């Protein structure tokens, strides 16, 4: 039996406002708890913090249509220059792990061995030299009020400065950032994805399979990958299919189609008296089971 008469979802993009609202009892629950607030919320006897396995992966989108980002050496340089472990340590407070693939760690056909680039400033500088690029300046779109997003942007800005790349942070209202991806008015920006289904075809199609969304707005192009994605979708032999997804992950990584940053759990918070406020790894809330006891 469903206990709740209804649920009202309220959009509060500013992280601080959202957390204060649930702490003050103005909300029964809140989602997208910033990593930096977990310890404080855990210490509040009136709250329950839910840290649950997820398929979430945060990444750095690269607009391949903006030269010289169409040059693999430039994209590889950015990948080498970004210290993902430092981002995980600083931003996720130990909750995240470094991502090495667009496929979530532990998900079907995830490959841990796909040629992910280590943090290496000398290799980054060498890649820029191979591209013949210097004085590179990039616009990084960041949603205002997103605490984690703003922290990642500042770290990326600092890290890329070490190889002489200037990153200009362009703060936008969160309602406008997606439009900038669609129109291509950005060079770099952080995004995230959570799987809706267990099979890797969905995300693979969206981010490297040349679907209608311009490969998740990166404008990435690789016809070999495009064909592999189409073939893997139809392959019935699980062993052959796994090998195909392993190859797709290697090719996409070699191309630096985007830069994988980190995997992280879903972190939500609810007031005491709210029971069964749970989210599965695909992001679904089981609100039909949620009960409010006071």
Protein backbone atom coordinates (compact mmCIF):
# COMPACT_ATOMS: atom_id res chain seq x y z
CA UNK A 1 0.00 0.00 0.00
CA UNK A 2 1.20 3.49 -0.83
CA UNK A 3 1.42 5.61 2.31
CA UNK A 4 1.90 9.12 0.93
CA UNK A 5 -1.01 11.08 -0.53
CA UNK A 6 1.39 12.90 -2.82
CA UNK A 7 4.90 14.25 -3.23
CA UNK A 8 5.90 17.81 -4.04
CA UNK A 9 9.31 18.17 -5.71
CA UNK A 10 10.78 21.65 -5.27
CA UNK A 11 13.69 22.75 -7.46
CA UNK A 12 16.31 24.64 -5.41
CA UNK A 13 19.50 24.78 -7.52
CA UNK A 14 21.58 26.51 -4.86
CA UNK A 15 23.18 23.81 -2.70
CA UNK A 16 23.46 25.92 0.44
CA UNK A 17 19.83 27.04 0.34
CA UNK A 18 18.65 23.46 -0.21
CA UNK A 19 20.62 22.08 2.74
CA UNK A 20 19.54 24.92 5.06
CA UNK A 21 15.92 24.28 4.09
CA UNK A 22 16.03 20.62 5.13
CA UNK A 23 17.98 21.44 8.30
CA UNK A 24 15.34 24.03 9.23
CA UNK A 25 12.53 21.52 8.71
CA UNK A 26 11.12 23.36 5.69
CA UNK A 27 11.68 20.24 3.58
CA UNK A 28 11.17 16.57 4.50
CA UNK A 29 14.11 15.52 2.34
CA UNK A 30 16.66 16.84 -0.11
CA UNK A 31 18.77 15.24 -2.83
CA UNK A 32 22.22 16.05 -4.25
CA UNK A 33 23.86 16.63 -0.88
CA UNK A 34 27.25 18.32 -1.47
CA UNK A 35 30.18 16.16 -0.37
CA UNK A 36 31.39 18.90 1.97
CA UNK A 37 28.16 18.81 3.99
CA UNK A 38 27.96 15.07 4.68
CA UNK A 39 29.86 15.14 7.98
CA UNK A 40 27.84 18.07 9.33
CA UNK A 41 24.51 16.48 8.36
CA UNK A 42 25.52 13.10 9.83
CA UNK A 43 26.04 14.86 13.17
CA UNK A 44 22.49 16.31 13.16
CA UNK A 45 20.23 14.00 15.23
CA UNK A 46 17.17 15.22 13.32
CA UNK A 47 18.48 14.01 9.97
CA UNK A 48 19.32 10.75 8.19
CA UNK A 49 21.97 10.83 5.46
CA UNK A 50 21.57 8.24 2.70
CA UNK A 51 24.80 7.26 0.90
CA UNK A 52 23.85 4.73 -1.77
CA UNK A 53 25.58 3.00 -4.70
CA UNK A 54 25.06 4.78 -7.98
CA UNK A 55 25.88 4.75 -11.69
CA UNK A 56 26.81 8.43 -11.54
CA UNK A 57 29.90 9.53 -13.41
CA UNK A 58 31.12 13.12 -13.54
CA UNK A 59 33.11 14.15 -16.58
CA UNK A 60 34.53 17.14 -18.38
CA UNK A 61 32.82 17.86 -21.68
CA UNK A 62 35.09 19.06 -24.50
CA UNK A 63 33.64 20.90 -27.51
CA UNK A 64 35.48 19.27 -30.43
CA UNK A 65 34.14 21.87 -32.90
CA UNK A 66 36.17 24.65 -31.29
CA UNK A 67 39.72 24.56 -32.67
CA UNK A 68 42.23 23.55 -31.44
CA UNK A 69 40.10 21.17 -29.34
CA UNK A 70 39.53 19.23 -32.58
CA UNK A 71 43.19 18.17 -32.28
CA UNK A 72 43.70 14.91 -30.36
CA UNK A 73 47.06 16.13 -29.03
CA UNK A 74 45.37 19.14 -27.41
CA UNK A 75 42.66 16.97 -25.83
CA UNK A 76 45.28 14.46 -24.65
CA UNK A 77 47.27 17.33 -23.12
CA UNK A 78 44.22 18.41 -21.10
CA UNK A 79 43.65 14.81 -20.00
CA UNK A 80 47.27 14.38 -18.84
CA UNK A 81 47.25 17.77 -17.06
CA UNK A 82 44.14 17.20 -14.98
CA UNK A 83 44.91 15.46 -11.68
CA UNK A 84 41.74 13.43 -11.12
CA UNK A 85 42.90 12.04 -7.77
CA UNK A 86 43.47 15.57 -6.46
CA UNK A 87 39.95 16.48 -7.59
CA UNK A 88 38.52 13.40 -5.85
CA UNK A 89 40.44 14.15 -2.65
CA UNK A 90 39.57 17.84 -2.56
CA UNK A 91 36.00 17.83 -3.84
CA UNK A 92 34.42 14.51 -2.80
CA UNK A 93 35.83 14.25 0.75
CA UNK A 94 36.62 10.59 0.19
CA UNK A 95 33.20 9.69 -1.20
CA UNK A 96 34.28 9.49 -4.85
CA UNK A 97 36.77 7.43 -6.83
CA UNK A 98 38.69 8.35 -9.96
CA UNK A 99 36.80 7.48 -13.16
CA UNK A 100 38.69 5.89 -16.03
CA UNK A 101 35.79 5.16 -18.39
CA UNK A 102 32.43 6.56 -19.38
CA UNK A 103 31.03 3.19 -18.23
CA UNK A 104 30.39 3.25 -14.46
CA UNK A 105 32.78 1.12 -12.40
CA UNK A 106 31.24 -2.27 -11.70
CA UNK A 107 28.61 -1.89 -14.42
CA UNK A 108 28.05 -4.40 -17.21
CA UNK A 109 31.06 -4.57 -19.58
CA UNK A 110 33.05 -1.96 -17.66
CA UNK A 111 36.74 -2.15 -18.55
CA UNK A 112 39.32 -1.17 -15.94
CA UNK A 113 42.07 -1.51 -18.54
CA UNK A 114 41.35 0.96 -21.33
CA UNK A 115 44.49 3.08 -21.58
CA UNK A 116 43.45 5.85 -19.19
CA UNK A 117 46.11 8.56 -19.09
CA UNK A 118 47.91 9.13 -15.79
CA UNK A 119 48.48 12.62 -14.39
CA UNK A 120 51.68 13.72 -16.15
CA UNK A 121 52.48 17.40 -16.72
CA UNK A 122 55.53 16.65 -18.88
CA UNK A 123 53.49 14.48 -21.24
CA UNK A 124 50.81 17.17 -21.28
CA UNK A 125 53.34 19.80 -22.33
CA UNK A 126 54.76 17.44 -24.97
CA UNK A 127 51.29 16.87 -26.43
CA UNK A 128 50.71 20.63 -26.70
CA UNK A 129 54.09 20.98 -28.40
CA UNK A 130 53.15 18.25 -30.90
CA UNK A 131 49.98 20.18 -31.67
CA UNK A 132 51.99 23.38 -32.09
CA UNK A 133 49.65 25.12 -29.68
CA UNK A 134 50.54 27.81 -27.17
CA UNK A 135 48.63 30.69 -25.56
CA UNK A 136 45.54 28.50 -25.43
CA UNK A 137 42.54 30.14 -23.74
CA UNK A 138 39.37 28.17 -23.02
CA UNK A 139 35.90 29.16 -21.79
CA UNK A 140 34.67 26.86 -19.01
CA UNK A 141 30.91 27.06 -18.37
CA UNK A 142 29.96 26.47 -14.74
CA UNK A 143 26.51 26.52 -13.13
CA UNK A 144 26.25 29.10 -10.35
CA UNK A 145 25.31 27.67 -6.95
CA UNK A 146 26.59 24.17 -7.70
CA UNK A 147 29.21 23.86 -4.97
CA UNK A 148 30.94 20.78 -6.38
CA UNK A 149 30.82 22.11 -9.93
CA UNK A 150 32.38 25.41 -8.88
CA UNK A 151 35.13 23.63 -6.92
CA UNK A 152 35.96 21.33 -9.85
CA UNK A 153 36.08 24.32 -12.22
CA UNK A 154 38.56 26.20 -10.01
CA UNK A 155 40.77 23.10 -9.67
CA UNK A 156 40.76 22.46 -13.43
CA UNK A 157 41.59 26.14 -13.96
CA UNK A 158 44.59 25.86 -11.59
CA UNK A 159 45.77 22.53 -13.00
CA UNK A 160 45.65 23.61 -16.64
CA UNK A 161 47.49 26.83 -15.77
CA UNK A 162 50.46 24.57 -14.97
CA UNK A 163 50.80 23.78 -18.70
CA UNK A 164 50.15 27.35 -19.78
CA UNK A 165 46.47 26.94 -20.65
CA UNK A 166 44.25 29.80 -19.50
CA UNK A 167 40.78 28.79 -18.37
CA UNK A 168 38.13 31.50 -18.14
CA UNK A 169 35.26 30.54 -15.83
CA UNK A 170 31.90 31.56 -17.29
CA UNK A 171 29.30 31.38 -14.51
CA UNK A 172 25.75 30.84 -15.66
CA UNK A 173 22.37 30.30 -14.13
CA UNK A 174 21.95 26.49 -14.03
CA UNK A 175 18.88 26.80 -16.26
CA UNK A 176 21.08 28.14 -19.06
CA UNK A 177 24.05 25.76 -19.01
CA UNK A 178 22.32 23.03 -21.05
CA UNK A 179 21.45 25.54 -23.76
CA UNK A 180 25.13 26.48 -24.01
CA UNK A 181 25.97 22.79 -24.58
CA UNK A 182 23.31 22.46 -27.28
CA UNK A 183 24.36 25.60 -29.15
CA UNK A 184 28.06 24.78 -28.70
CA UNK A 185 28.82 28.03 -26.88
CA UNK A 186 31.42 26.51 -24.57
CA UNK A 187 34.88 24.94 -24.68
CA UNK A 188 34.82 22.94 -21.44
CA UNK A 189 32.16 22.17 -18.86
CA UNK A 190 31.50 19.59 -16.19
CA UNK A 191 28.53 17.28 -16.66
CA UNK A 192 27.35 14.04 -15.13
CA UNK A 193 25.38 11.00 -16.18
CA UNK A 194 23.44 8.31 -14.36
CA UNK A 195 22.35 5.16 -16.19
CA UNK A 196 18.64 4.55 -16.69
CA UNK A 197 19.15 0.88 -17.62
CA UNK A 198 21.75 -1.76 -16.79
CA UNK A 199 22.82 -2.38 -20.38
CA UNK A 200 25.76 -0.21 -21.58
CA UNK A 201 24.16 0.47 -24.97
CA UNK A 202 22.14 3.45 -23.75
CA UNK A 203 25.02 5.56 -22.46
CA UNK A 204 27.39 4.31 -25.17
CA UNK A 205 24.95 5.43 -27.85
CA UNK A 206 24.51 8.83 -26.25
CA UNK A 207 28.16 9.66 -25.60
CA UNK A 208 30.09 8.03 -28.48
CA UNK A 209 27.51 6.43 -30.80
CA UNK A 210 26.72 9.46 -32.97
CA UNK A 211 23.15 9.73 -31.73
CA UNK A 212 21.02 12.85 -32.26
CA UNK A 213 22.56 14.66 -29.27
CA UNK A 214 25.98 15.24 -30.90
CA UNK A 215 27.63 12.70 -28.60
CA UNK A 216 26.43 14.40 -25.44
CA UNK A 217 27.22 17.80 -26.93
CA UNK A 218 30.94 17.10 -27.42
CA UNK A 219 30.61 16.86 -31.24
CA UNK A 220 32.99 13.88 -31.08
CA UNK A 221 33.45 12.04 -34.39
CA UNK A 222 34.89 8.57 -34.95
CA UNK A 223 33.28 6.40 -37.61
CA UNK A 224 34.99 3.22 -36.36
CA UNK A 225 33.48 3.76 -32.92
CA UNK A 226 30.12 4.62 -34.48
CA UNK A 227 30.06 1.28 -36.32
CA UNK A 228 31.22 -0.68 -33.27
CA UNK A 229 28.44 0.84 -31.19
CA UNK A 230 25.86 -0.19 -33.79
CA UNK A 231 27.31 -3.71 -34.05
CA UNK A 232 27.58 -4.20 -30.27
CA UNK A 233 23.91 -3.35 -29.89
CA UNK A 234 22.98 -6.32 -32.09
CA UNK A 235 25.57 -8.85 -30.89
CA UNK A 236 23.93 -11.72 -28.99
CA UNK A 237 27.07 -13.54 -27.81
CA UNK A 238 27.92 -11.97 -24.41
CA UNK A 239 31.64 -12.78 -24.73
CA UNK A 240 31.90 -11.10 -28.15
CA UNK A 241 29.75 -8.23 -26.94
CA UNK A 242 31.96 -7.62 -23.93
CA UNK A 243 35.04 -7.54 -26.18
CA UNK A 244 33.31 -4.95 -28.38
CA UNK A 245 32.53 -2.67 -25.44
CA UNK A 246 36.09 -3.06 -24.16
CA UNK A 247 37.32 -1.92 -27.59
CA UNK A 248 34.87 1.01 -27.68
CA UNK A 249 36.13 2.18 -24.28
CA UNK A 250 39.77 1.95 -25.48
CA UNK A 251 39.10 3.87 -28.68
CA UNK A 252 37.05 6.55 -26.95
CA UNK A 253 39.76 6.98 -24.31
CA UNK A 254 42.48 7.18 -26.98
CA UNK A 255 40.45 9.94 -28.64
CA UNK A 256 39.83 11.77 -25.32
CA UNK A 257 36.20 12.12 -26.39
CA UNK A 258 35.70 13.77 -22.99
CA UNK A 259 37.68 13.59 -19.73
CA UNK A 260 36.45 11.13 -17.12
CA UNK A 261 36.63 12.69 -13.64
CA UNK A 262 35.03 10.62 -10.87
CA UNK A 263 32.41 8.09 -9.85
CA UNK A 264 30.38 8.86 -6.74
CA UNK A 265 27.45 7.54 -4.70
CA UNK A 266 24.03 9.15 -4.51
CA UNK A 267 23.93 11.24 -1.32
CA UNK A 268 20.53 12.36 -0.05
CA UNK A 269 19.20 13.50 3.30
CA UNK A 270 15.83 13.17 5.04
CA UNK A 271 14.28 14.33 8.29
CA UNK A 272 13.83 11.81 11.10
CA UNK A 273 10.37 10.36 10.73
CA UNK A 274 10.81 9.89 6.97
CA UNK A 275 11.32 6.19 6.38
CA UNK A 276 12.28 4.21 3.25
CA UNK A 277 13.52 7.23 1.31
CA UNK A 278 15.72 5.11 -0.92
CA UNK A 279 17.28 5.47 -4.37
CA UNK A 280 18.57 2.59 -6.50
CA UNK A 281 21.83 2.73 -8.54
CA UNK A 282 19.89 3.81 -11.62
CA UNK A 283 18.51 6.82 -9.75
CA UNK A 284 14.96 5.64 -9.13
CA UNK A 285 13.29 6.65 -5.86
CA UNK A 286 10.86 4.13 -4.37
CA UNK A 287 8.46 6.75 -3.06
CA UNK A 288 5.63 4.22 -3.07
CA UNK A 289 7.41 2.69 -0.06
CA UNK A 290 8.21 5.98 1.70
CA UNK A 291 6.44 6.64 5.00
CA UNK A 292 6.29 9.77 7.16
CA UNK A 293 5.70 8.80 10.78
CA UNK A 294 5.48 12.20 12.44
